[in-house]
Amino acid sequence: KPIGIHWLQAASVWVSGEGNQAPLWVYRIPSLIGAIAAVLLTIWMA
């Protein structure tokens, strides 16, 4: 797959300040944001 999700996860890790010791939930933040954004954008689309 292309690079997009890795850049978003890396940005989340950078924001956390924990580097390669960042826990799993930090890597999951882009998915959480994506799901919430999808709900909001579905409202906008509809």
All heavy atoms as atom14 arrays in JSON, in Angstrom:
{
  "sequence": "KPIGIHWLQAASVWVSGEGNQAPLWVYRIPSLIGAIAAVLLTIWMA",
  "atom14_mask": [
    [1, 1, 1, 1, 1, 1, 1, 1, 1, 0, 0, 0, 0, 0],
    [1, 1, 1, 1, 1, 1, 1, 0, 0, 0, 0, 0, 0, 0],
    [1, 1, 1, 1, 1, 1, 1, 1, 0, 0, 0, 0, 0, 0],
    [1, 1, 1, 1, 0, 0, 0, 0, 0, 0, 0, 0, 0, 0],
    [1, 1, 1, 1, 1, 1, 1, 1, 0, 0, 0, 0, 0, 0],
    [1, 1, 1, 1, 1, 1, 1, 1, 1, 1, 0, 0, 0, 0],
    [1, 1, 1, 1, 1, 1, 1, 1, 1, 1, 1, 1, 1, 1],
    [1, 1, 1, 1, 1, 1, 1, 1, 0, 0, 0, 0, 0, 0],
    [1, 1, 1, 1, 1, 1, 1, 1, 1, 0, 0, 0, 0, 0],
    [1, 1, 1, 1, 1, 0, 0, 0, 0, 0, 0, 0, 0, 0],
    [1, 1, 1, 1, 1, 0, 0, 0, 0, 0, 0, 0, 0, 0],
    [1, 1, 1, 1, 1, 1, 0, 0, 0, 0, 0, 0, 0, 0],
    [1, 1, 1, 1, 1, 1, 1, 0, 0, 0, 0, 0, 0, 0],
    [1, 1, 1, 1, 1, 1, 1, 1, 1, 1, 1, 1, 1, 1],
    [1, 1, 1, 1, 1, 1, 1, 0, 0, 0, 0, 0, 0, 0],
    [1, 1, 1, 1, 1, 1, 0, 0, 0, 0, 0, 0, 0, 0],
    [1, 1, 1, 1, 0, 0, 0, 0, 0, 0, 0, 0, 0, 0],
    [1, 1, 1, 1, 1, 1, 1, 1, 1, 0, 0, 0, 0, 0],
    [1, 1, 1, 1, 0, 0, 0, 0, 0, 0, 0, 0, 0, 0],
    [1, 1, 1, 1, 1, 1, 1, 1, 0, 0, 0, 0, 0, 0],
    [1, 1, 1, 1, 1, 1, 1, 1, 1, 0, 0, 0, 0, 0],
    [1, 1, 1, 1, 1, 0, 0, 0, 0, 0, 0, 0, 0, 0],
    [1, 1, 1, 1, 1, 1, 1, 0, 0, 0, 0, 0, 0, 0],
    [1, 1, 1, 1, 1, 1, 1, 1, 0, 0, 0, 0, 0, 0],
    [1, 1, 1, 1, 1, 1, 1, 1, 1, 1, 1, 1, 1, 1],
    [1, 1, 1, 1, 1, 1, 1, 0, 0, 0, 0, 0, 0, 0],
    [1, 1, 1, 1, 1, 1, 1, 1, 1, 1, 1, 1, 0, 0],
    [1, 1, 1, 1, 1, 1, 1, 1, 1, 1, 1, 0, 0, 0],
    [1, 1, 1, 1, 1, 1, 1, 1, 0, 0, 0, 0, 0, 0],
    [1, 1, 1, 1, 1, 1, 1, 0, 0, 0, 0, 0, 0, 0],
    [1, 1, 1, 1, 1, 1, 0, 0, 0, 0, 0, 0, 0, 0],
    [1, 1, 1, 1, 1, 1, 1, 1, 0, 0, 0, 0, 0, 0],
    [1, 1, 1, 1, 1, 1, 1, 1, 0, 0, 0, 0, 0, 0],
    [1, 1, 1, 1, 0, 0, 0, 0, 0, 0, 0, 0, 0, 0],
    [1, 1, 1, 1, 1, 0, 0, 0, 0, 0, 0, 0, 0, 0],
    [1, 1, 1, 1, 1, 1, 1, 1, 0, 0, 0, 0, 0, 0],
    [1, 1, 1, 1, 1, 0, 0, 0, 0, 0, 0, 0, 0, 0],
    [1, 1, 1, 1, 1, 0, 0, 0, 0, 0, 0, 0, 0, 0],
    [1, 1, 1, 1, 1, 1, 1, 0, 0, 0, 0, 0, 0, 0],
    [1, 1, 1, 1, 1, 1, 1, 1, 0, 0, 0, 0, 0, 0],
    [1, 1, 1, 1, 1, 1, 1, 1, 0, 0, 0, 0, 0, 0],
    [1, 1, 1, 1, 1, 1, 1, 0, 0, 0, 0, 0, 0, 0],
    [1, 1, 1, 1, 1, 1, 1, 1, 0, 0, 0, 0, 0, 0],
    [1, 1, 1, 1, 1, 1, 1, 1, 1, 1, 1, 1, 1, 1],
    [1, 1, 1, 1, 1, 1, 1, 1, 0, 0, 0, 0, 0, 0],
    [1, 1, 1, 1, 1, 0, 0, 0, 0, 0, 0, 0, 0, 0]
  ],
  "atom14_positions": [
    [[0.85, -1.19, 0.0], [0.0, 0.0, 0.0], [0.88, 1.24, 0.0], [2.02, 1.21, 0.46], [-0.9, 0.01, 1.23], [-1.79, -1.21, 1.37], [-2.8, -1.32, 0.25], [-3.78, -2.46, 0.49], [-3.15, -3.79, 0.41], [0.0, 0.0, 0.0], [0.0, 0.0, 0.0], [0.0, 0.0, 0.0], [0.0, 0.0, 0.0], [0.0, 0.0, 0.0]],
    [[0.34, 2.37, -0.49], [1.12, 3.62, -0.48], [1.41, 4.12, 0.93], [1.04, 3.51, 1.93], [0.22, 4.59, -1.27], [-0.66, 3.71, -2.1], [-0.9, 2.49, -1.27], [0.0, 0.0, 0.0], [0.0, 0.0, 0.0], [0.0, 0.0, 0.0], [0.0, 0.0, 0.0], [0.0, 0.0, 0.0], [0.0, 0.0, 0.0], [0.0, 0.0, 0.0]],
    [[2.01, 5.27, 0.99], [2.63, 5.77, 2.22], [1.67, 6.48, 3.16], [1.98, 6.71, 4.33], [3.77, 6.75, 1.84], [4.74, 6.97, 3.01], [3.2, 8.09, 1.35], [5.57, 5.78, 3.32], [0.0, 0.0, 0.0], [0.0, 0.0, 0.0], [0.0, 0.0, 0.0], [0.0, 0.0, 0.0], [0.0, 0.0, 0.0], [0.0, 0.0, 0.0]],
    [[0.47, 6.85, 2.69], [-0.38, 7.79, 3.42], [-0.61, 7.45, 4.87], [-0.41, 8.28, 5.76], [0.0, 0.0, 0.0], [0.0, 0.0, 0.0], [0.0, 0.0, 0.0], [0.0, 0.0, 0.0], [0.0, 0.0, 0.0], [0.0, 0.0, 0.0], [0.0, 0.0, 0.0], [0.0, 0.0, 0.0], [0.0, 0.0, 0.0], [0.0, 0.0, 0.0]],
    [[-1.05, 6.2, 5.15], [-1.38, 5.87, 6.54], [-0.13, 5.86, 7.4], [-0.19, 6.2, 8.6], [-2.12, 4.52, 6.61], [-2.81, 4.37, 7.98], [-1.18, 3.36, 6.36], [-3.9, 5.38, 8.23], [0.0, 0.0, 0.0], [0.0, 0.0, 0.0], [0.0, 0.0, 0.0], [0.0, 0.0, 0.0], [0.0, 0.0, 0.0], [0.0, 0.0, 0.0]],
    [[1.02, 5.51, 6.85], [2.25, 5.5, 7.63], [2.66, 6.92, 8.02], [3.13, 7.15, 9.14], [3.37, 4.82, 6.84], [3.09, 3.38, 6.53], [3.08, 2.41, 7.5], [2.78, 2.75, 5.36], [2.8, 1.24, 6.95], [2.62, 1.43, 5.65], [0.0, 0.0, 0.0], [0.0, 0.0, 0.0], [0.0, 0.0, 0.0], [0.0, 0.0, 0.0]],
    [[2.49, 7.87, 7.12], [2.79, 9.26, 7.47], [1.87, 9.75, 8.58], [2.3, 10.46, 9.49], [2.66, 10.14, 6.23], [3.85, 10.07, 5.31], [5.06, 9.49, 5.57], [3.94, 10.64, 4.0], [5.9, 9.64, 4.49], [5.24, 10.34, 3.51], [3.06, 11.34, 3.19], [5.67, 10.74, 2.25], [3.49, 11.74, 1.92], [4.78, 11.44, 1.46]],
    [[0.6, 9.41, 8.49], [-0.35, 9.84, 9.52], [-0.02, 9.2, 10.87], [-0.07, 9.86, 11.91], [-1.77, 9.49, 9.1], [-2.31, 10.25, 7.89], [-3.64, 9.68, 7.44], [-2.46, 11.74, 8.21], [0.0, 0.0, 0.0], [0.0, 0.0, 0.0], [0.0, 0.0, 0.0], [0.0, 0.0, 0.0], [0.0, 0.0, 0.0], [0.0, 0.0, 0.0]],
    [[0.32, 7.91, 10.86], [0.69, 7.25, 12.11], [1.99, 7.84, 12.67], [2.12, 8.03, 13.89], [0.84, 5.75, 11.88], [-0.49, 5.04, 11.62], [-0.3, 3.57, 11.27], [0.82, 3.08, 11.14], [-1.41, 2.86, 11.12], [0.0, 0.0, 0.0], [0.0, 0.0, 0.0], [0.0, 0.0, 0.0], [0.0, 0.0, 0.0], [0.0, 0.0, 0.0]],
    [[2.96, 8.11, 11.78], [4.22, 8.7, 12.23], [3.98, 10.09, 12.83], [4.63, 10.47, 13.82], [5.21, 8.79, 11.08], [0.0, 0.0, 0.0], [0.0, 0.0, 0.0], [0.0, 0.0, 0.0], [0.0, 0.0, 0.0], [0.0, 0.0, 0.0], [0.0, 0.0, 0.0], [0.0, 0.0, 0.0], [0.0, 0.0, 0.0], [0.0, 0.0, 0.0]],
    [[3.07, 10.84, 12.24], [2.73, 12.16, 12.8], [2.12, 12.01, 14.19], [2.42, 12.8, 15.11], [1.76, 12.89, 11.87], [0.0, 0.0, 0.0], [0.0, 0.0, 0.0], [0.0, 0.0, 0.0], [0.0, 0.0, 0.0], [0.0, 0.0, 0.0], [0.0, 0.0, 0.0], [0.0, 0.0, 0.0], [0.0, 0.0, 0.0], [0.0, 0.0, 0.0]],
    [[1.26, 11.0, 14.36], [0.67, 10.75, 15.67], [1.74, 10.38, 16.68], [1.71, 10.86, 17.84], [-0.37, 9.62, 15.54], [-0.98, 9.36, 16.78], [0.0, 0.0, 0.0], [0.0, 0.0, 0.0], [0.0, 0.0, 0.0], [0.0, 0.0, 0.0], [0.0, 0.0, 0.0], [0.0, 0.0, 0.0], [0.0, 0.0, 0.0], [0.0, 0.0, 0.0]],
    [[2.7, 9.56, 16.27], [3.8, 9.19, 17.17], [4.62, 10.43, 17.53], [5.01, 10.62, 18.69], [4.69, 8.12, 16.5], [5.98, 7.91, 17.3], [3.94, 6.8, 16.36], [0.0, 0.0, 0.0], [0.0, 0.0, 0.0], [0.0, 0.0, 0.0], [0.0, 0.0, 0.0], [0.0, 0.0, 0.0], [0.0, 0.0, 0.0], [0.0, 0.0, 0.0]],
    [[4.88, 11.29, 16.55], [5.65, 12.51, 16.8], [4.94, 13.41, 17.8], [5.56, 13.94, 18.73], [5.89, 13.25, 15.49], [6.67, 14.52, 15.67], [8.01, 14.67, 15.83], [6.12, 15.85, 15.73], [8.34, 15.99, 15.98], [7.2, 16.74, 15.92], [4.83, 16.36, 15.63], [7.02, 18.12, 16.02], [4.64, 17.74, 15.74], [5.73, 18.59, 15.93]],
    [[3.63, 13.56, 17.63], [2.87, 14.4, 18.55], [2.92, 13.81, 19.97], [2.98, 14.55, 20.96], [1.41, 14.54, 18.07], [0.54, 15.21, 19.13], [1.37, 15.35, 16.77], [0.0, 0.0, 0.0], [0.0, 0.0, 0.0], [0.0, 0.0, 0.0], [0.0, 0.0, 0.0], [0.0, 0.0, 0.0], [0.0, 0.0, 0.0], [0.0, 0.0, 0.0]],
    [[2.9, 12.48, 20.07], [2.92, 11.85, 21.39], [4.24, 12.09, 22.12], [4.29, 12.02, 23.35], [2.7, 10.33, 21.26], [3.87, 9.67, 20.81], [0.0, 0.0, 0.0], [0.0, 0.0, 0.0], [0.0, 0.0, 0.0], [0.0, 0.0, 0.0], [0.0, 0.0, 0.0], [0.0, 0.0, 0.0], [0.0, 0.0, 0.0], [0.0, 0.0, 0.0]],
    [[5.32, 12.33, 21.36], [6.63, 12.55, 21.95], [7.3, 11.3, 22.48], [8.34, 11.39, 23.15], [0.0, 0.0, 0.0], [0.0, 0.0, 0.0], [0.0, 0.0, 0.0], [0.0, 0.0, 0.0], [0.0, 0.0, 0.0], [0.0, 0.0, 0.0], [0.0, 0.0, 0.0], [0.0, 0.0, 0.0], [0.0, 0.0, 0.0], [0.0, 0.0, 0.0]],
    [[6.76, 10.11, 22.18], [7.31, 8.88, 22.75], [8.17, 8.09, 21.77], [8.69, 7.03, 22.11], [6.17, 8.0, 23.28], [5.37, 8.66, 24.38], [4.47, 7.7, 25.11], [4.98, 6.68, 25.61], [3.26, 7.96, 25.16], [0.0, 0.0, 0.0], [0.0, 0.0, 0.0], [0.0, 0.0, 0.0], [0.0, 0.0, 0.0], [0.0, 0.0, 0.0]],
    [[8.33, 8.58, 20.56], [9.2, 7.92, 19.6], [8.83, 6.48, 19.36], [7.63, 6.13, 19.34], [0.0, 0.0, 0.0], [0.0, 0.0, 0.0], [0.0, 0.0, 0.0], [0.0, 0.0, 0.0], [0.0, 0.0, 0.0], [0.0, 0.0, 0.0], [0.0, 0.0, 0.0], [0.0, 0.0, 0.0], [0.0, 0.0, 0.0], [0.0, 0.0, 0.0]],
    [[9.84, 5.61, 19.21], [9.54, 4.21, 18.92], [9.02, 3.45, 20.13], [8.72, 2.26, 20.03], [10.77, 3.5, 18.34], [11.91, 3.41, 19.34], [11.86, 3.99, 20.42], [12.93, 2.67, 18.97], [0.0, 0.0, 0.0], [0.0, 0.0, 0.0], [0.0, 0.0, 0.0], [0.0, 0.0, 0.0], [0.0, 0.0, 0.0], [0.0, 0.0, 0.0]],
    [[8.91, 4.12, 21.28], [8.3, 3.51, 22.46], [6.81, 3.83, 22.57], [6.17, 3.46, 23.56], [9.02, 3.98, 23.73], [10.49, 3.62, 23.77], [10.73, 2.12, 23.68], [10.1, 1.35, 24.4], [11.64, 1.72, 22.8], [0.0, 0.0, 0.0], [0.0, 0.0, 0.0], [0.0, 0.0, 0.0], [0.0, 0.0, 0.0], [0.0, 0.0, 0.0]],
    [[6.27, 4.52, 21.59], [4.85, 4.89, 21.64], [3.98, 3.65, 21.7], [4.22, 2.67, 20.99], [4.49, 5.73, 20.41], [0.0, 0.0, 0.0], [0.0, 0.0, 0.0], [0.0, 0.0, 0.0], [0.0, 0.0, 0.0], [0.0, 0.0, 0.0], [0.0, 0.0, 0.0], [0.0, 0.0, 0.0], [0.0, 0.0, 0.0], [0.0, 0.0, 0.0]],
    [[2.96, 3.65, 22.56], [2.07, 2.48, 22.66], [1.19, 2.34, 21.42], [1.07, 3.27, 20.61], [1.24, 2.77, 23.91], [1.26, 4.26, 24.03], [2.6, 4.71, 23.5], [0.0, 0.0, 0.0], [0.0, 0.0, 0.0], [0.0, 0.0, 0.0], [0.0, 0.0, 0.0], [0.0, 0.0, 0.0], [0.0, 0.0, 0.0], [0.0, 0.0, 0.0]],
    [[0.55, 1.21, 21.31], [-0.24, 0.9, 20.13], [-1.34, 1.92, 19.88], [-1.62, 2.29, 18.73], [-0.84, -0.5, 20.27], [-1.8, -0.95, 19.17], [-1.09, -1.04, 17.83], [-2.43, -2.29, 19.54], [0.0, 0.0, 0.0], [0.0, 0.0, 0.0], [0.0, 0.0, 0.0], [0.0, 0.0, 0.0], [0.0, 0.0, 0.0], [0.0, 0.0, 0.0]],
    [[-1.99, 2.4, 20.95], [-3.13, 3.28, 20.75], [-2.74, 4.57, 20.03], [-3.56, 5.18, 19.35], [-3.84, 3.6, 22.07], [-3.05, 4.39, 23.06], [-2.31, 3.91, 24.09], [-2.95, 5.82, 23.14], [-1.72, 4.94, 24.8], [-2.11, 6.12, 24.25], [-3.47, 6.88, 22.39], [-1.8, 7.43, 24.61], [-3.16, 8.18, 22.75], [-2.34, 8.45, 23.84]],
    [[-1.47, 4.99, 20.16], [-1.02, 6.18, 19.44], [-1.09, 5.95, 17.93], [-1.49, 6.83, 17.17], [0.41, 6.56, 19.88], [0.97, 7.67, 19.0], [0.42, 6.98, 21.34], [0.0, 0.0, 0.0], [0.0, 0.0, 0.0], [0.0, 0.0, 0.0], [0.0, 0.0, 0.0], [0.0, 0.0, 0.0], [0.0, 0.0, 0.0], [0.0, 0.0, 0.0]],
    [[-0.72, 4.75, 17.48], [-0.78, 4.42, 16.06], [-2.23, 4.31, 15.57], [-2.49, 4.43, 14.37], [-0.06, 3.09, 15.8], [1.42, 3.12, 16.03], [1.96, 2.95, 17.3], [2.3, 3.3, 14.97], [3.33, 2.97, 17.51], [3.68, 3.32, 15.17], [4.19, 3.16, 16.44], [5.54, 3.17, 16.64], [0.0, 0.0, 0.0], [0.0, 0.0, 0.0]],
    [[-3.14, 4.06, 16.5], [-4.55, 3.9, 16.11], [-5.28, 5.24, 15.97], [-6.4, 5.28, 15.44], [-5.27, 3.03, 17.16], [-4.88, 1.57, 17.1], [-5.49, 0.77, 18.24], [-5.35, -0.66, 18.03], [-5.62, -1.59, 18.95], [-6.03, -1.21, 20.15], [-5.47, -2.87, 18.67], [0.0, 0.0, 0.0], [0.0, 0.0, 0.0], [0.0, 0.0, 0.0]],
    [[-4.69, 6.32, 16.44], [-5.38, 7.61, 16.42], [-5.81, 8.03, 15.01], [-6.94, 8.51, 14.83], [-4.52, 8.69, 17.11], [-4.52, 8.45, 18.63], [-5.02, 10.09, 16.79], [-3.6, 9.38, 19.4], [0.0, 0.0, 0.0], [0.0, 0.0, 0.0], [0.0, 0.0, 0.0], [0.0, 0.0, 0.0], [0.0, 0.0, 0.0], [0.0, 0.0, 0.0]],
    [[-4.98, 7.89, 13.97], [-5.47, 8.26, 12.64], [-6.72, 7.5, 12.2], [-7.59, 8.06, 11.52], [-4.28, 7.93, 11.72], [-3.09, 8.07, 12.62], [-3.54, 7.55, 13.94], [0.0, 0.0, 0.0], [0.0, 0.0, 0.0], [0.0, 0.0, 0.0], [0.0, 0.0, 0.0], [0.0, 0.0, 0.0], [0.0, 0.0, 0.0], [0.0, 0.0, 0.0]],
    [[-6.84, 6.24, 12.61], [-8.04, 5.48, 12.26], [-9.26, 6.03, 13.0], [-10.35, 6.12, 12.43], [-7.85, 4.0, 12.6], [-6.86, 3.42, 11.77], [0.0, 0.0, 0.0], [0.0, 0.0, 0.0], [0.0, 0.0, 0.0], [0.0, 0.0, 0.0], [0.0, 0.0, 0.0], [0.0, 0.0, 0.0], [0.0, 0.0, 0.0], [0.0, 0.0, 0.0]],
    [[-9.08, 6.38, 14.26], [-10.17, 6.99, 15.02], [-10.61, 8.29, 14.37], [-11.81, 8.55, 14.18], [-9.73, 7.23, 16.46], [-10.72, 7.95, 17.37], [-11.97, 7.12, 17.58], [-10.07, 8.28, 18.71], [0.0, 0.0, 0.0], [0.0, 0.0, 0.0], [0.0, 0.0, 0.0], [0.0, 0.0, 0.0], [0.0, 0.0, 0.0], [0.0, 0.0, 0.0]],
    [[-9.64, 9.13, 14.01], [-9.96, 10.4, 13.35], [-10.63, 10.14, 12.01], [-11.61, 10.81, 11.65], [-8.68, 11.23, 13.16], [-8.14, 11.67, 14.53], [-8.94, 12.45, 12.28], [-6.78, 12.34, 14.47], [0.0, 0.0, 0.0], [0.0, 0.0, 0.0], [0.0, 0.0, 0.0], [0.0, 0.0, 0.0], [0.0, 0.0, 0.0], [0.0, 0.0, 0.0]],
    [[-10.13, 9.15, 11.26], [-10.73, 8.84, 9.97], [-12.17, 8.39, 10.1], [-13.03, 8.8, 9.3], [0.0, 0.0, 0.0], [0.0, 0.0, 0.0], [0.0, 0.0, 0.0], [0.0, 0.0, 0.0], [0.0, 0.0, 0.0], [0.0, 0.0, 0.0], [0.0, 0.0, 0.0], [0.0, 0.0, 0.0], [0.0, 0.0, 0.0], [0.0, 0.0, 0.0]],
    [[-12.47, 7.56, 11.1], [-13.84, 7.08, 11.28], [-14.78, 8.23, 11.66], [-15.9, 8.33, 11.14], [-13.86, 5.99, 12.35], [0.0, 0.0, 0.0], [0.0, 0.0, 0.0], [0.0, 0.0, 0.0], [0.0, 0.0, 0.0], [0.0, 0.0, 0.0], [0.0, 0.0, 0.0], [0.0, 0.0, 0.0], [0.0, 0.0, 0.0], [0.0, 0.0, 0.0]],
    [[-14.34, 9.07, 12.59], [-15.18, 10.21, 12.98], [-15.36, 11.16, 11.8], [-16.47, 11.67, 11.55], [-14.57, 10.93, 14.19], [-14.6, 10.01, 15.41], [-15.3, 12.23, 14.48], [-13.88, 10.57, 16.63], [0.0, 0.0, 0.0], [0.0, 0.0, 0.0], [0.0, 0.0, 0.0], [0.0, 0.0, 0.0], [0.0, 0.0, 0.0], [0.0, 0.0, 0.0]],
    [[-14.27, 11.41, 11.05], [-14.38, 12.27, 9.87], [-15.33, 11.68, 8.85], [-16.11, 12.41, 8.2], [-13.0, 12.47, 9.24], [0.0, 0.0, 0.0], [0.0, 0.0, 0.0], [0.0, 0.0, 0.0], [0.0, 0.0, 0.0], [0.0, 0.0, 0.0], [0.0, 0.0, 0.0], [0.0, 0.0, 0.0], [0.0, 0.0, 0.0], [0.0, 0.0, 0.0]],
    [[-15.31, 10.35, 8.68], [-16.21, 9.71, 7.72], [-17.67, 9.93, 8.11], [-18.52, 10.14, 7.24], [-15.9, 8.22, 7.64], [0.0, 0.0, 0.0], [0.0, 0.0, 0.0], [0.0, 0.0, 0.0], [0.0, 0.0, 0.0], [0.0, 0.0, 0.0], [0.0, 0.0, 0.0], [0.0, 0.0, 0.0], [0.0, 0.0, 0.0], [0.0, 0.0, 0.0]],
    [[-17.96, 9.87, 9.4], [-19.34, 10.12, 9.85], [-19.75, 11.56, 9.55], [-20.84, 11.82, 9.01], [-19.46, 9.8, 11.35], [-20.83, 10.24, 11.89], [-19.26, 8.31, 11.6], [0.0, 0.0, 0.0], [0.0, 0.0, 0.0], [0.0, 0.0, 0.0], [0.0, 0.0, 0.0], [0.0, 0.0, 0.0], [0.0, 0.0, 0.0], [0.0, 0.0, 0.0]],
    [[-18.88, 12.51, 9.9], [-19.19, 13.92, 9.63], [-19.33, 14.18, 8.13], [-20.24, 14.91, 7.69], [-18.1, 14.81, 10.22], [-18.18, 15.1, 11.72], [-16.95, 15.86, 12.16], [-19.45, 15.88, 12.06], [0.0, 0.0, 0.0], [0.0, 0.0, 0.0], [0.0, 0.0, 0.0], [0.0, 0.0, 0.0], [0.0, 0.0, 0.0], [0.0, 0.0, 0.0]],
    [[-18.44, 13.61, 7.36], [-18.49, 13.82, 5.91], [-19.69, 13.14, 5.27], [-20.2, 13.61, 4.24], [-17.19, 13.32, 5.27], [-15.95, 14.18, 5.57], [-14.68, 13.44, 5.19], [-16.04, 15.51, 4.84], [0.0, 0.0, 0.0], [0.0, 0.0, 0.0], [0.0, 0.0, 0.0], [0.0, 0.0, 0.0], [0.0, 0.0, 0.0], [0.0, 0.0, 0.0]],
    [[-20.15, 12.05, 5.87], [-21.38, 11.43, 5.37], [-22.57, 12.37, 5.58], [-23.45, 12.48, 4.71], [-21.62, 10.09, 6.08], [-20.56, 9.19, 5.74], [-22.95, 9.48, 5.66], [0.0, 0.0, 0.0], [0.0, 0.0, 0.0], [0.0, 0.0, 0.0], [0.0, 0.0, 0.0], [0.0, 0.0, 0.0], [0.0, 0.0, 0.0], [0.0, 0.0, 0.0]],
    [[-22.6, 13.05, 6.72], [-23.65, 14.05, 6.94], [-23.55, 15.13, 5.88], [-24.56, 15.53, 5.27], [-23.53, 14.64, 8.35], [-23.71, 13.56, 9.41], [-24.53, 15.77, 8.55], [-23.41, 14.04, 10.83], [0.0, 0.0, 0.0], [0.0, 0.0, 0.0], [0.0, 0.0, 0.0], [0.0, 0.0, 0.0], [0.0, 0.0, 0.0], [0.0, 0.0, 0.0]],
    [[-22.33, 15.62, 5.64], [-22.13, 16.68, 4.63], [-22.52, 16.19, 3.24], [-23.19, 16.9, 2.48], [-20.67, 17.11, 4.66], [-20.29, 18.06, 3.58], [-20.65, 19.36, 3.45], [-19.45, 17.76, 2.45], [-20.09, 19.91, 2.31], [-19.35, 18.94, 1.68], [-18.78, 16.62, 2.01], [-18.62, 19.01, 0.5], [-18.04, 16.69, 0.84], [-17.96, 17.87, 0.1]],
    [[-22.12, 14.97, 2.9], [-22.48, 14.4, 1.6], [-24.0, 14.29, 1.47], [-24.59, 14.7, 0.46], [-21.83, 13.03, 1.45], [-22.16, 12.26, 0.17], [-23.69, 11.26, 0.3], [-23.26, 10.11, 1.6], [0.0, 0.0, 0.0], [0.0, 0.0, 0.0], [0.0, 0.0, 0.0], [0.0, 0.0, 0.0], [0.0, 0.0, 0.0], [0.0, 0.0, 0.0]],
    [[-24.66, 13.76, 2.5], [-26.1, 13.56, 2.44], [-26.87, 14.87, 2.4], [-27.99, 14.92, 1.88], [-26.55, 12.72, 3.63], [0.0, 0.0, 0.0], [0.0, 0.0, 0.0], [0.0, 0.0, 0.0], [0.0, 0.0, 0.0], [0.0, 0.0, 0.0], [0.0, 0.0, 0.0], [0.0, 0.0, 0.0], [0.0, 0.0, 0.0], [0.0, 0.0, 0.0]]
  ]
}
